[in-house]
Amino acid sequence: MKPRYIGIDIGGSHISAARIGINQGGITVSDEVGVSVDTTLEADHILSSWTDLIKKLDPSADDFLGIAMPGPFDYQNGISLLEDQGKMKSLFGRSVRDGLSQRLSIPPKQILFTNDAEAFLLGEKMAGAGKHHQKILGLTLGTGLGSAFFLENRCTDAKLWTAPFREGIAEDYLGTAWFISEAEKQFDLKISGVKDLVSTGELTQEANHLFSEFGKTLGEFMVPYFREYGFDQVILGGKISLASPYFLPFTLQYLSYHGFHPDFKIAQLGEKAALIGACWPLIHTL
């Protein structure tokens, strides 16, 4: 009997899942479902909410689950180490693998966890924008900064969000919070995110300035990693990447000035990338 896979993407306030299939035409994603989950509540409530969503796919004891999960997390043993991030605090130190295994009647050895940034890049590498490249930097730009490297046929969580940068760390300058604080500080504008800057369809002078600054900052941040690893492609995901036409030209200009001309792609698969990537280590080893 052919193995059956369910890809699952768990975030701070949501869970999505789908059936992942392999055939001669490539990788398929079907029966996609998702729901919002309040992960500030008790552990049993969180685990039950996740289980209820997965049960919509009618899982059996023969199924394999690939789960994309934010860190810090003990991915090998399936234990949550999230404590100070404001979400999933009640799961700290608990085995998410055992909790799901018991509720779904699926053996623990058939449940595999992958870092969410790795899963995103793996999915795009295997089925999306990264098919033809071997040295890839993946960045998800949103509330936070996610990052992963694909090098020597291996994907790893780069953890660049905490990398020292300017007067703080990278995430201080490359996430939604930067746009919110700079819009208010520089122009006395109150926004809730990047979407507010592009909602009219025509950029204001203030929005243009912010995107220009962000684009150059992104380029400045990436230069040391191009020097060290020689990436030939960058894949951008996350909500901020949807505004790439407004900031990416400044990033490319900055990189070009420093002698780097990588292929830039916006993630093609959306939420499906993490679902595929979470299952890929299972598919690859079975």
C-alpha atoms as a PDB file:
ATOM      1  CA  MET A   1       0.000   0.000   0.000  1.00  0.00           C
ATOM      2  CA  LYS A   2       1.344   3.437  -0.978  1.00  0.00           C
ATOM      3  CA  PRO A   3       2.025   5.763   1.965  1.00  0.00           C
ATOM      4  CA  ARG A   4      -0.465   8.607   2.407  1.00  0.00           C
ATOM      5  CA  TYR A   5       0.642  12.009   3.613  1.00  0.00           C
ATOM      6  CA  ILE A   6      -1.045  14.894   5.388  1.00  0.00           C
ATOM      7  CA  GLY A   7       0.805  18.207   5.380  1.00  0.00           C
ATOM      8  CA  ILE A   8       0.086  20.534   8.306  1.00  0.00           C
ATOM      9  CA  ASP A   9       1.172  24.146   8.853  1.00  0.00           C
ATOM     10  CA  ILE A  10       0.809  25.435  12.416  1.00  0.00           C
ATOM     11  CA  GLY A  11       1.225  29.123  13.233  1.00  0.00           C
ATOM     12  CA  GLY A  12       0.662  31.332  16.233  1.00  0.00           C
ATOM     13  CA  SER A  13      -3.001  31.865  15.395  1.00  0.00           C
ATOM     14  CA  HIS A  14      -3.896  29.363  12.673  1.00  0.00           C
ATOM     15  CA  ILE A  15      -3.570  25.810  11.409  1.00  0.00           C
ATOM     16  CA  SER A  16      -3.971  24.588   7.843  1.00  0.00           C
ATOM     17  CA  ALA A  17      -3.766  21.050   6.489  1.00  0.00           C
ATOM     18  CA  ALA A  18      -4.097  19.155   3.223  1.00  0.00           C
ATOM     19  CA  ARG A  19      -3.554  15.793   1.583  1.00  0.00           C
ATOM     20  CA  ILE A  20      -0.178  15.676  -0.174  1.00  0.00           C
ATOM     21  CA  GLY A  21       0.198  13.246  -3.058  1.00  0.00           C
ATOM     22  CA  ILE A  22       3.011  12.132  -5.350  1.00  0.00           C
ATOM     23  CA  ASN A  23       2.418  11.006  -8.913  1.00  0.00           C
ATOM     24  CA  GLN A  24       4.154  11.101 -12.283  1.00  0.00           C
ATOM     25  CA  GLY A  25       2.941  14.657 -12.806  1.00  0.00           C
ATOM     26  CA  GLY A  26       4.623  15.823  -9.600  1.00  0.00           C
ATOM     27  CA  ILE A  27       3.304  16.823  -6.177  1.00  0.00           C
ATOM     28  CA  THR A  28      -0.408  17.375  -5.572  1.00  0.00           C
ATOM     29  CA  VAL A  29      -2.195  19.261  -2.794  1.00  0.00           C
ATOM     30  CA  SER A  30      -5.864  18.441  -2.200  1.00  0.00           C
ATOM     31  CA  ASP A  31      -8.666  18.834   0.349  1.00  0.00           C
ATOM     32  CA  GLU A  32      -7.025  21.909   1.905  1.00  0.00           C
ATOM     33  CA  VAL A  33      -8.629  23.066   5.163  1.00  0.00           C
ATOM     34  CA  GLY A  34      -7.773  25.726   7.730  1.00  0.00           C
ATOM     35  CA  VAL A  35      -9.024  27.438  10.864  1.00  0.00           C
ATOM     36  CA  SER A  36      -8.005  30.141  13.344  1.00  0.00           C
ATOM     37  CA  VAL A  37      -6.948  28.925  16.789  1.00  0.00           C
ATOM     38  CA  ASP A  38      -6.516  30.936  19.984  1.00  0.00           C
ATOM     39  CA  THR A  39      -3.158  29.603  21.159  1.00  0.00           C
ATOM     40  CA  THR A  40      -3.163  31.717  24.314  1.00  0.00           C
ATOM     41  CA  LEU A  41      -5.563  29.166  25.880  1.00  0.00           C
ATOM     42  CA  GLU A  42      -4.841  25.916  27.703  1.00  0.00           C
ATOM     43  CA  ALA A  43      -2.776  23.170  26.056  1.00  0.00           C
ATOM     44  CA  ASP A  44      -5.663  20.696  25.814  1.00  0.00           C
ATOM     45  CA  HIS A  45      -7.813  23.289  24.042  1.00  0.00           C
ATOM     46  CA  ILE A  46      -5.041  24.004  21.518  1.00  0.00           C
ATOM     47  CA  LEU A  47      -4.317  20.327  20.826  1.00  0.00           C
ATOM     48  CA  SER A  48      -8.027  19.526  20.509  1.00  0.00           C
ATOM     49  CA  SER A  49      -8.540  22.426  18.070  1.00  0.00           C
ATOM     50  CA  TRP A  50      -5.655  21.210  15.913  1.00  0.00           C
ATOM     51  CA  THR A  51      -6.948  17.640  16.070  1.00  0.00           C
ATOM     52  CA  ASP A  52     -10.477  18.669  15.044  1.00  0.00           C
ATOM     53  CA  LEU A  53      -9.097  20.353  11.939  1.00  0.00           C
ATOM     54  CA  ILE A  54      -6.895  17.380  10.961  1.00  0.00           C
ATOM     55  CA  LYS A  55      -9.846  14.998  11.432  1.00  0.00           C
ATOM     56  CA  LYS A  56     -11.621  16.770   8.555  1.00  0.00           C
ATOM     57  CA  LEU A  57      -9.158  14.938   6.295  1.00  0.00           C
ATOM     58  CA  ASP A  58     -10.280  11.570   7.689  1.00  0.00           C
ATOM     59  CA  PRO A  59      -6.814  10.395   8.791  1.00  0.00           C
ATOM     60  CA  SER A  60      -6.096   6.718   9.373  1.00  0.00           C
ATOM     61  CA  ALA A  61      -3.501   4.874  11.451  1.00  0.00           C
ATOM     62  CA  ASP A  62      -1.505   4.300   8.247  1.00  0.00           C
ATOM     63  CA  ASP A  63      -1.134   7.997   7.419  1.00  0.00           C
ATOM     64  CA  PHE A  64       2.061  10.015   7.845  1.00  0.00           C
ATOM     65  CA  LEU A  65       1.841  13.565   9.187  1.00  0.00           C
ATOM     66  CA  GLY A  66       4.374  16.232   8.210  1.00  0.00           C
ATOM     67  CA  ILE A  67       3.998  19.288  10.449  1.00  0.00           C
ATOM     68  CA  ALA A  68       5.563  22.728   9.903  1.00  0.00           C
ATOM     69  CA  MET A  69       6.023  24.371  13.289  1.00  0.00           C
ATOM     70  CA  PRO A  70       7.542  27.668  14.464  1.00  0.00           C
ATOM     71  CA  GLY A  71      10.471  27.596  16.842  1.00  0.00           C
ATOM     72  CA  PRO A  72      11.860  27.289  19.354  1.00  0.00           C
ATOM     73  CA  PHE A  73      10.823  23.639  19.173  1.00  0.00           C
ATOM     74  CA  ASP A  74      12.522  20.269  19.680  1.00  0.00           C
ATOM     75  CA  TYR A  75      11.772  18.975  16.194  1.00  0.00           C
ATOM     76  CA  GLN A  76      13.339  15.549  16.685  1.00  0.00           C
ATOM     77  CA  ASN A  77      11.318  14.730  19.796  1.00  0.00           C
ATOM     78  CA  GLY A  78       8.207  16.783  19.014  1.00  0.00           C
ATOM     79  CA  ILE A  79       8.364  18.918  22.173  1.00  0.00           C
ATOM     80  CA  SER A  80       7.345  22.579  22.229  1.00  0.00           C
ATOM     81  CA  LEU A  81       9.886  25.038  23.631  1.00  0.00           C
ATOM     82  CA  LEU A  82       7.801  28.158  22.947  1.00  0.00           C
ATOM     83  CA  GLU A  83       7.668  30.098  26.196  1.00  0.00           C
ATOM     84  CA  ASP A  84       8.212  33.838  25.733  1.00  0.00           C
ATOM     85  CA  GLN A  85       6.661  34.382  22.295  1.00  0.00           C
ATOM     86  CA  GLY A  86       3.135  35.089  23.568  1.00  0.00           C
ATOM     87  CA  LYS A  87       1.570  32.123  21.743  1.00  0.00           C
ATOM     88  CA  MET A  88       1.378  28.419  22.678  1.00  0.00           C
ATOM     89  CA  LYS A  89       2.890  29.149  26.103  1.00  0.00           C
ATOM     90  CA  SER A  90       0.730  26.443  27.710  1.00  0.00           C
ATOM     91  CA  LEU A  91       2.403  23.827  25.481  1.00  0.00           C
ATOM     92  CA  PHE A  92       5.891  24.575  26.793  1.00  0.00           C
ATOM     93  CA  GLY A  93       7.711  21.328  27.614  1.00  0.00           C
ATOM     94  CA  ARG A  94       4.862  19.149  26.353  1.00  0.00           C
ATOM     95  CA  SER A  95       5.106  16.532  23.638  1.00  0.00           C
ATOM     96  CA  VAL A  96       2.971  17.784  20.769  1.00  0.00           C
ATOM     97  CA  ARG A  97       3.780  14.527  18.964  1.00  0.00           C
ATOM     98  CA  ASP A  98       2.281  12.399  21.748  1.00  0.00           C
ATOM     99  CA  GLY A  99      -0.705  14.725  22.139  1.00  0.00           C
ATOM    100  CA  LEU A 100      -1.624  14.451  18.457  1.00  0.00           C
ATOM    101  CA  SER A 101      -0.772  10.750  18.291  1.00  0.00           C
ATOM    102  CA  GLN A 102      -3.173   9.914  21.117  1.00  0.00           C
ATOM    103  CA  ARG A 103      -5.993  12.060  19.765  1.00  0.00           C
ATOM    104  CA  LEU A 104      -5.655  10.842  16.162  1.00  0.00           C
ATOM    105  CA  SER A 105      -4.641   7.213  16.842  1.00  0.00           C
ATOM    106  CA  ILE A 106      -1.603   7.594  14.592  1.00  0.00           C
ATOM    107  CA  PRO A 107       1.712   6.086  15.789  1.00  0.00           C
ATOM    108  CA  PRO A 108       4.192   8.727  17.043  1.00  0.00           C
ATOM    109  CA  LYS A 109       6.879   7.498  14.616  1.00  0.00           C
ATOM    110  CA  GLN A 110       4.605   8.575  11.719  1.00  0.00           C
ATOM    111  CA  ILE A 111       4.499  12.216  12.869  1.00  0.00           C
ATOM    112  CA  LEU A 112       7.425  14.385  11.760  1.00  0.00           C
ATOM    113  CA  PHE A 113       8.057  18.037  12.655  1.00  0.00           C
ATOM    114  CA  THR A 114       9.942  20.567  10.515  1.00  0.00           C
ATOM    115  CA  ASN A 115      10.782  24.205  11.184  1.00  0.00           C
ATOM    116  CA  ASP A 116       8.243  26.415   9.407  1.00  0.00           C
ATOM    117  CA  ALA A 117      10.866  28.475   7.541  1.00  0.00           C
ATOM    118  CA  GLU A 118      12.557  25.282   6.340  1.00  0.00           C
ATOM    119  CA  ALA A 119       9.213  23.842   5.251  1.00  0.00           C
ATOM    120  CA  PHE A 120       8.404  26.993   3.267  1.00  0.00           C
ATOM    121  CA  LEU A 121      11.710  26.886   1.388  1.00  0.00           C
ATOM    122  CA  LEU A 122      11.624  23.108   0.884  1.00  0.00           C
ATOM    123  CA  GLY A 123       8.152  23.351  -0.652  1.00  0.00           C
ATOM    124  CA  GLU A 124       9.212  26.128  -3.018  1.00  0.00           C
ATOM    125  CA  LYS A 125      12.415  24.255  -3.925  1.00  0.00           C
ATOM    126  CA  MET A 126      10.665  20.988  -4.717  1.00  0.00           C
ATOM    127  CA  ALA A 127       7.471  22.250  -6.337  1.00  0.00           C
ATOM    128  CA  GLY A 128       7.607  26.016  -6.795  1.00  0.00           C
ATOM    129  CA  ALA A 129       9.930  28.919  -7.516  1.00  0.00           C
ATOM    130  CA  GLY A 130      13.209  27.194  -6.607  1.00  0.00           C
ATOM    131  CA  LYS A 131      13.158  24.137  -8.867  1.00  0.00           C
ATOM    132  CA  HIS A 132      16.160  25.167 -10.970  1.00  0.00           C
ATOM    133  CA  HIS A 133      18.536  26.511  -8.314  1.00  0.00           C
ATOM    134  CA  GLN A 134      20.844  24.870  -5.779  1.00  0.00           C
ATOM    135  CA  LYS A 135      21.959  27.767  -3.553  1.00  0.00           C
ATOM    136  CA  ILE A 136      18.832  29.473  -2.264  1.00  0.00           C
ATOM    137  CA  LEU A 137      18.109  32.003   0.461  1.00  0.00           C
ATOM    138  CA  GLY A 138      14.472  31.892   1.558  1.00  0.00           C
ATOM    139  CA  LEU A 139      13.002  34.809   3.511  1.00  0.00           C
ATOM    140  CA  THR A 140       9.476  35.238   4.824  1.00  0.00           C
ATOM    141  CA  LEU A 141       8.719  38.891   5.488  1.00  0.00           C
ATOM    142  CA  GLY A 142       5.733  39.555   7.720  1.00  0.00           C
ATOM    143  CA  THR A 143       5.038  40.068  11.410  1.00  0.00           C
ATOM    144  CA  GLY A 144       8.428  38.456  11.958  1.00  0.00           C
ATOM    145  CA  LEU A 145      11.388  37.477   9.791  1.00  0.00           C
ATOM    146  CA  GLY A 146      11.656  33.822   8.791  1.00  0.00           C
ATOM    147  CA  SER A 147      14.759  32.541   7.022  1.00  0.00           C
ATOM    148  CA  ALA A 148      16.177  29.323   5.615  1.00  0.00           C
ATOM    149  CA  PHE A 149      19.135  28.229   3.476  1.00  0.00           C
ATOM    150  CA  PHE A 150      19.094  25.553   0.794  1.00  0.00           C
ATOM    151  CA  LEU A 151      22.736  24.545   0.294  1.00  0.00           C
ATOM    152  CA  GLU A 152      24.405  21.265  -0.694  1.00  0.00           C
ATOM    153  CA  ASN A 153      21.008  19.640  -1.208  1.00  0.00           C
ATOM    154  CA  ARG A 154      19.982  20.374   2.379  1.00  0.00           C
ATOM    155  CA  CYS A 155      17.548  22.862   3.880  1.00  0.00           C
ATOM    156  CA  THR A 156      18.209  24.466   7.276  1.00  0.00           C
ATOM    157  CA  ASP A 157      16.571  27.106   9.438  1.00  0.00           C
ATOM    158  CA  ALA A 158      18.926  30.101   9.243  1.00  0.00           C
ATOM    159  CA  LYS A 159      17.529  31.874  12.341  1.00  0.00           C
ATOM    160  CA  LEU A 160      18.519  35.231  10.853  1.00  0.00           C
ATOM    161  CA  TRP A 161      15.774  37.092  12.717  1.00  0.00           C
ATOM    162  CA  THR A 162      18.133  37.425  15.700  1.00  0.00           C
ATOM    163  CA  ALA A 163      21.205  38.294  13.608  1.00  0.00           C
ATOM    164  CA  PRO A 164      22.887  41.494  14.864  1.00  0.00           C
ATOM    165  CA  PHE A 165      22.037  44.327  12.471  1.00  0.00           C
ATOM    166  CA  ARG A 166      22.610  48.074  12.819  1.00  0.00           C
ATOM    167  CA  GLU A 167      21.445  49.102  16.302  1.00  0.00           C
ATOM    168  CA  GLY A 168      19.581  45.881  17.080  1.00  0.00           C
ATOM    169  CA  ILE A 169      18.648  42.639  15.317  1.00  0.00           C
ATOM    170  CA  ALA A 170      17.444  41.962  11.773  1.00  0.00           C
ATOM    171  CA  GLU A 171      13.775  41.549  12.705  1.00  0.00           C
ATOM    172  CA  ASP A 172      13.725  45.116  14.084  1.00  0.00           C
ATOM    173  CA  TYR A 173      14.212  46.408  10.534  1.00  0.00           C
ATOM    174  CA  LEU A 174      12.615  43.762   8.295  1.00  0.00           C
ATOM    175  CA  GLY A 175       9.121  43.174   9.650  1.00  0.00           C
ATOM    176  CA  THR A 176       5.717  44.824   9.873  1.00  0.00           C
ATOM    177  CA  ALA A 177       6.647  46.582  13.126  1.00  0.00           C
ATOM    178  CA  TRP A 178       9.305  48.610  11.291  1.00  0.00           C
ATOM    179  CA  PHE A 179       6.744  50.006   8.826  1.00  0.00           C
ATOM    180  CA  ILE A 180       4.337  50.863  11.650  1.00  0.00           C
ATOM    181  CA  SER A 181       6.945  52.639  13.783  1.00  0.00           C
ATOM    182  CA  GLU A 182       8.681  54.471  10.909  1.00  0.00           C
ATOM    183  CA  ALA A 183       5.396  55.661   9.370  1.00  0.00           C
ATOM    184  CA  GLU A 184       4.494  57.265  12.681  1.00  0.00           C
ATOM    185  CA  LYS A 185       7.973  58.527  13.520  1.00  0.00           C
ATOM    186  CA  GLN A 186       8.764  60.034  10.118  1.00  0.00           C
ATOM    187  CA  PHE A 187       5.336  61.128   8.871  1.00  0.00           C
ATOM    188  CA  ASP A 188       2.955  60.959  11.860  1.00  0.00           C
ATOM    189  CA  LEU A 189       1.014  58.264   9.957  1.00  0.00           C
ATOM    190  CA  LYS A 190      -0.856  55.583  11.881  1.00  0.00           C
ATOM    191  CA  ILE A 191      -0.982  52.298   9.937  1.00  0.00           C
ATOM    192  CA  SER A 192      -1.639  48.709  10.949  1.00  0.00           C
ATOM    193  CA  GLY A 193       0.642  47.212   8.312  1.00  0.00           C
ATOM    194  CA  VAL A 194       2.007  47.362   4.775  1.00  0.00           C
ATOM    195  CA  LYS A 195      -1.447  46.842   3.284  1.00  0.00           C
ATOM    196  CA  ASP A 196      -2.465  50.329   4.428  1.00  0.00           C
ATOM    197  CA  LEU A 197       0.346  51.854   2.353  1.00  0.00           C
ATOM    198  CA  VAL A 198      -0.830  50.276  -0.915  1.00  0.00           C
ATOM    199  CA  SER A 199      -4.611  50.220  -0.396  1.00  0.00           C
ATOM    200  CA  THR A 200      -5.300  53.236  -2.627  1.00  0.00           C
ATOM    201  CA  GLY A 201      -3.507  51.671  -5.599  1.00  0.00           C
ATOM    202  CA  GLU A 202      -1.341  54.772  -6.030  1.00  0.00           C
ATOM    203  CA  LEU A 203       1.573  55.252  -3.658  1.00  0.00           C
ATOM    204  CA  THR A 204       1.877  58.448  -1.678  1.00  0.00           C
ATOM    205  CA  GLN A 205       5.231  60.173  -1.400  1.00  0.00           C
ATOM    206  CA  GLU A 206       5.474  58.895   2.177  1.00  0.00           C
ATOM    207  CA  ALA A 207       4.794  55.291   1.149  1.00  0.00           C
ATOM    208  CA  ASN A 208       7.370  55.530  -1.638  1.00  0.00           C
ATOM    209  CA  HIS A 209       9.949  56.742   0.839  1.00  0.00           C
ATOM    210  CA  LEU A 210       9.247  53.900   3.286  1.00  0.00           C
ATOM    211  CA  PHE A 211       9.403  51.218   0.588  1.00  0.00           C
ATOM    212  CA  SER A 212      12.613  52.676  -0.815  1.00  0.00           C
ATOM    213  CA  GLU A 213      14.207  52.639   2.644  1.00  0.00           C
ATOM    214  CA  PHE A 214      12.980  49.105   3.334  1.00  0.00           C
ATOM    215  CA  GLY A 215      14.276  47.817  -0.015  1.00  0.00           C
ATOM    216  CA  LYS A 216      17.757  49.237   0.549  1.00  0.00           C
ATOM    217  CA  THR A 217      17.789  47.879   4.097  1.00  0.00           C
ATOM    218  CA  LEU A 218      16.887  44.406   2.819  1.00  0.00           C
ATOM    219  CA  GLY A 219      19.782  44.578   0.367  1.00  0.00           C
ATOM    220  CA  GLU A 220      22.196  45.763   3.052  1.00  0.00           C
ATOM    221  CA  PHE A 221      21.104  42.919   5.305  1.00  0.00           C
ATOM    222  CA  MET A 222      21.656  40.265   2.611  1.00  0.00           C
ATOM    223  CA  VAL A 223      25.091  41.322   1.333  1.00  0.00           C
ATOM    224  CA  PRO A 224      27.163  39.494   4.025  1.00  0.00           C
ATOM    225  CA  TYR A 225      25.256  36.249   3.357  1.00  0.00           C
ATOM    226  CA  PHE A 226      25.831  36.495  -0.393  1.00  0.00           C
ATOM    227  CA  ARG A 227      29.532  36.962   0.299  1.00  0.00           C
ATOM    228  CA  GLU A 228      29.667  33.958   2.626  1.00  0.00           C
ATOM    229  CA  TYR A 229      27.385  31.485   0.834  1.00  0.00           C
ATOM    230  CA  GLY A 230      27.223  32.581  -2.821  1.00  0.00           C
ATOM    231  CA  PHE A 231      23.449  32.291  -3.180  1.00  0.00           C
ATOM    232  CA  ASP A 232      22.183  32.289  -6.773  1.00  0.00           C
ATOM    233  CA  GLN A 233      18.517  32.751  -5.864  1.00  0.00           C
ATOM    234  CA  VAL A 234      16.362  34.470  -3.255  1.00  0.00           C
ATOM    235  CA  ILE A 235      12.749  33.407  -2.675  1.00  0.00           C
ATOM    236  CA  LEU A 236      10.569  35.872  -0.781  1.00  0.00           C
ATOM    237  CA  GLY A 237       7.373  34.883   1.014  1.00  0.00           C
ATOM    238  CA  GLY A 238       5.147  36.402   3.682  1.00  0.00           C
ATOM    239  CA  LYS A 239       2.635  39.240   3.530  1.00  0.00           C
ATOM    240  CA  ILE A 240       5.230  41.980   2.911  1.00  0.00           C
ATOM    241  CA  SER A 241       6.508  40.157  -0.195  1.00  0.00           C
ATOM    242  CA  LEU A 242       3.167  40.938  -1.866  1.00  0.00           C
ATOM    243  CA  ALA A 243       4.327  44.569  -1.980  1.00  0.00           C
ATOM    244  CA  SER A 244       7.622  43.599  -3.664  1.00  0.00           C
ATOM    245  CA  PRO A 245       7.036  45.735  -6.805  1.00  0.00           C
ATOM    246  CA  TYR A 246       7.424  48.773  -4.537  1.00  0.00           C
ATOM    247  CA  PHE A 247      10.611  47.814  -2.657  1.00  0.00           C
ATOM    248  CA  LEU A 248      12.415  45.107  -4.641  1.00  0.00           C
ATOM    249  CA  PRO A 249      13.891  47.464  -7.299  1.00  0.00           C
ATOM    250  CA  PHE A 250      15.788  49.230  -4.498  1.00  0.00           C
ATOM    251  CA  THR A 251      17.009  45.887  -3.134  1.00  0.00           C
ATOM    252  CA  LEU A 252      18.255  44.792  -6.557  1.00  0.00           C
ATOM    253  CA  GLN A 253      19.956  48.139  -7.095  1.00  0.00           C
ATOM    254  CA  TYR A 254      21.753  47.869  -3.754  1.00  0.00           C
ATOM    255  CA  LEU A 255      22.892  44.283  -4.424  1.00  0.00           C
ATOM    256  CA  SER A 256      24.000  45.125  -7.960  1.00  0.00           C
ATOM    257  CA  TYR A 257      26.138  47.991  -6.645  1.00  0.00           C
ATOM    258  CA  HIS A 258      27.901  45.451  -4.411  1.00  0.00           C
ATOM    259  CA  GLY A 259      28.421  42.995  -7.284  1.00  0.00           C
ATOM    260  CA  PHE A 260      25.562  40.543  -6.686  1.00  0.00           C
ATOM    261  CA  HIS A 261      22.949  39.668  -9.309  1.00  0.00           C
ATOM    262  CA  PRO A 262      20.819  36.811  -7.912  1.00  0.00           C
ATOM    263  CA  ASP A 263      17.566  35.544  -9.352  1.00  0.00           C
ATOM    264  CA  PHE A 264      14.737  36.930  -7.190  1.00  0.00           C
ATOM    265  CA  LYS A 265      11.415  35.127  -7.077  1.00  0.00           C
ATOM    266  CA  ILE A 266       8.255  35.694  -5.082  1.00  0.00           C
ATOM    267  CA  ALA A 267       6.969  32.438  -3.583  1.00  0.00           C
ATOM    268  CA  GLN A 268       4.661  30.695  -6.060  1.00  0.00           C
ATOM    269  CA  LEU A 269       2.834  28.266  -3.797  1.00  0.00           C
ATOM    270  CA  GLY A 270       1.481  30.505  -1.044  1.00  0.00           C
ATOM    271  CA  GLU A 271       0.394  28.491   1.998  1.00  0.00           C
ATOM    272  CA  LYS A 272       0.851  25.246   0.053  1.00  0.00           C
ATOM    273  CA  ALA A 273       4.652  25.603   0.240  1.00  0.00           C
ATOM    274  CA  ALA A 274       4.864  24.778   3.951  1.00  0.00           C
ATOM    275  CA  LEU A 275       2.367  21.908   3.582  1.00  0.00           C
ATOM    276  CA  ILE A 276       4.499  20.310   0.863  1.00  0.00           C
ATOM    277  CA  GLY A 277       7.778  21.094   2.595  1.00  0.00           C
ATOM    278  CA  ALA A 278       6.601  19.592   5.883  1.00  0.00           C
ATOM    279  CA  CYS A 279       5.961  16.284   4.105  1.00  0.00           C
ATOM    280  CA  TRP A 280       9.061  16.287   1.934  1.00  0.00           C
ATOM    281  CA  PRO A 281      11.420  14.697   4.527  1.00  0.00           C
ATOM    282  CA  LEU A 282       8.866  11.875   4.906  1.00  0.00           C
ATOM    283  CA  ILE A 283       8.469  11.402   1.158  1.00  0.00           C
ATOM    284  CA  HIS A 284      12.228  11.520   0.654  1.00  0.00           C
ATOM    285  CA  THR A 285      13.010   8.814   3.225  1.00  0.00           C
ATOM    286  CA  LEU A 286      10.151   6.332   2.722  1.00  0.00           C
END
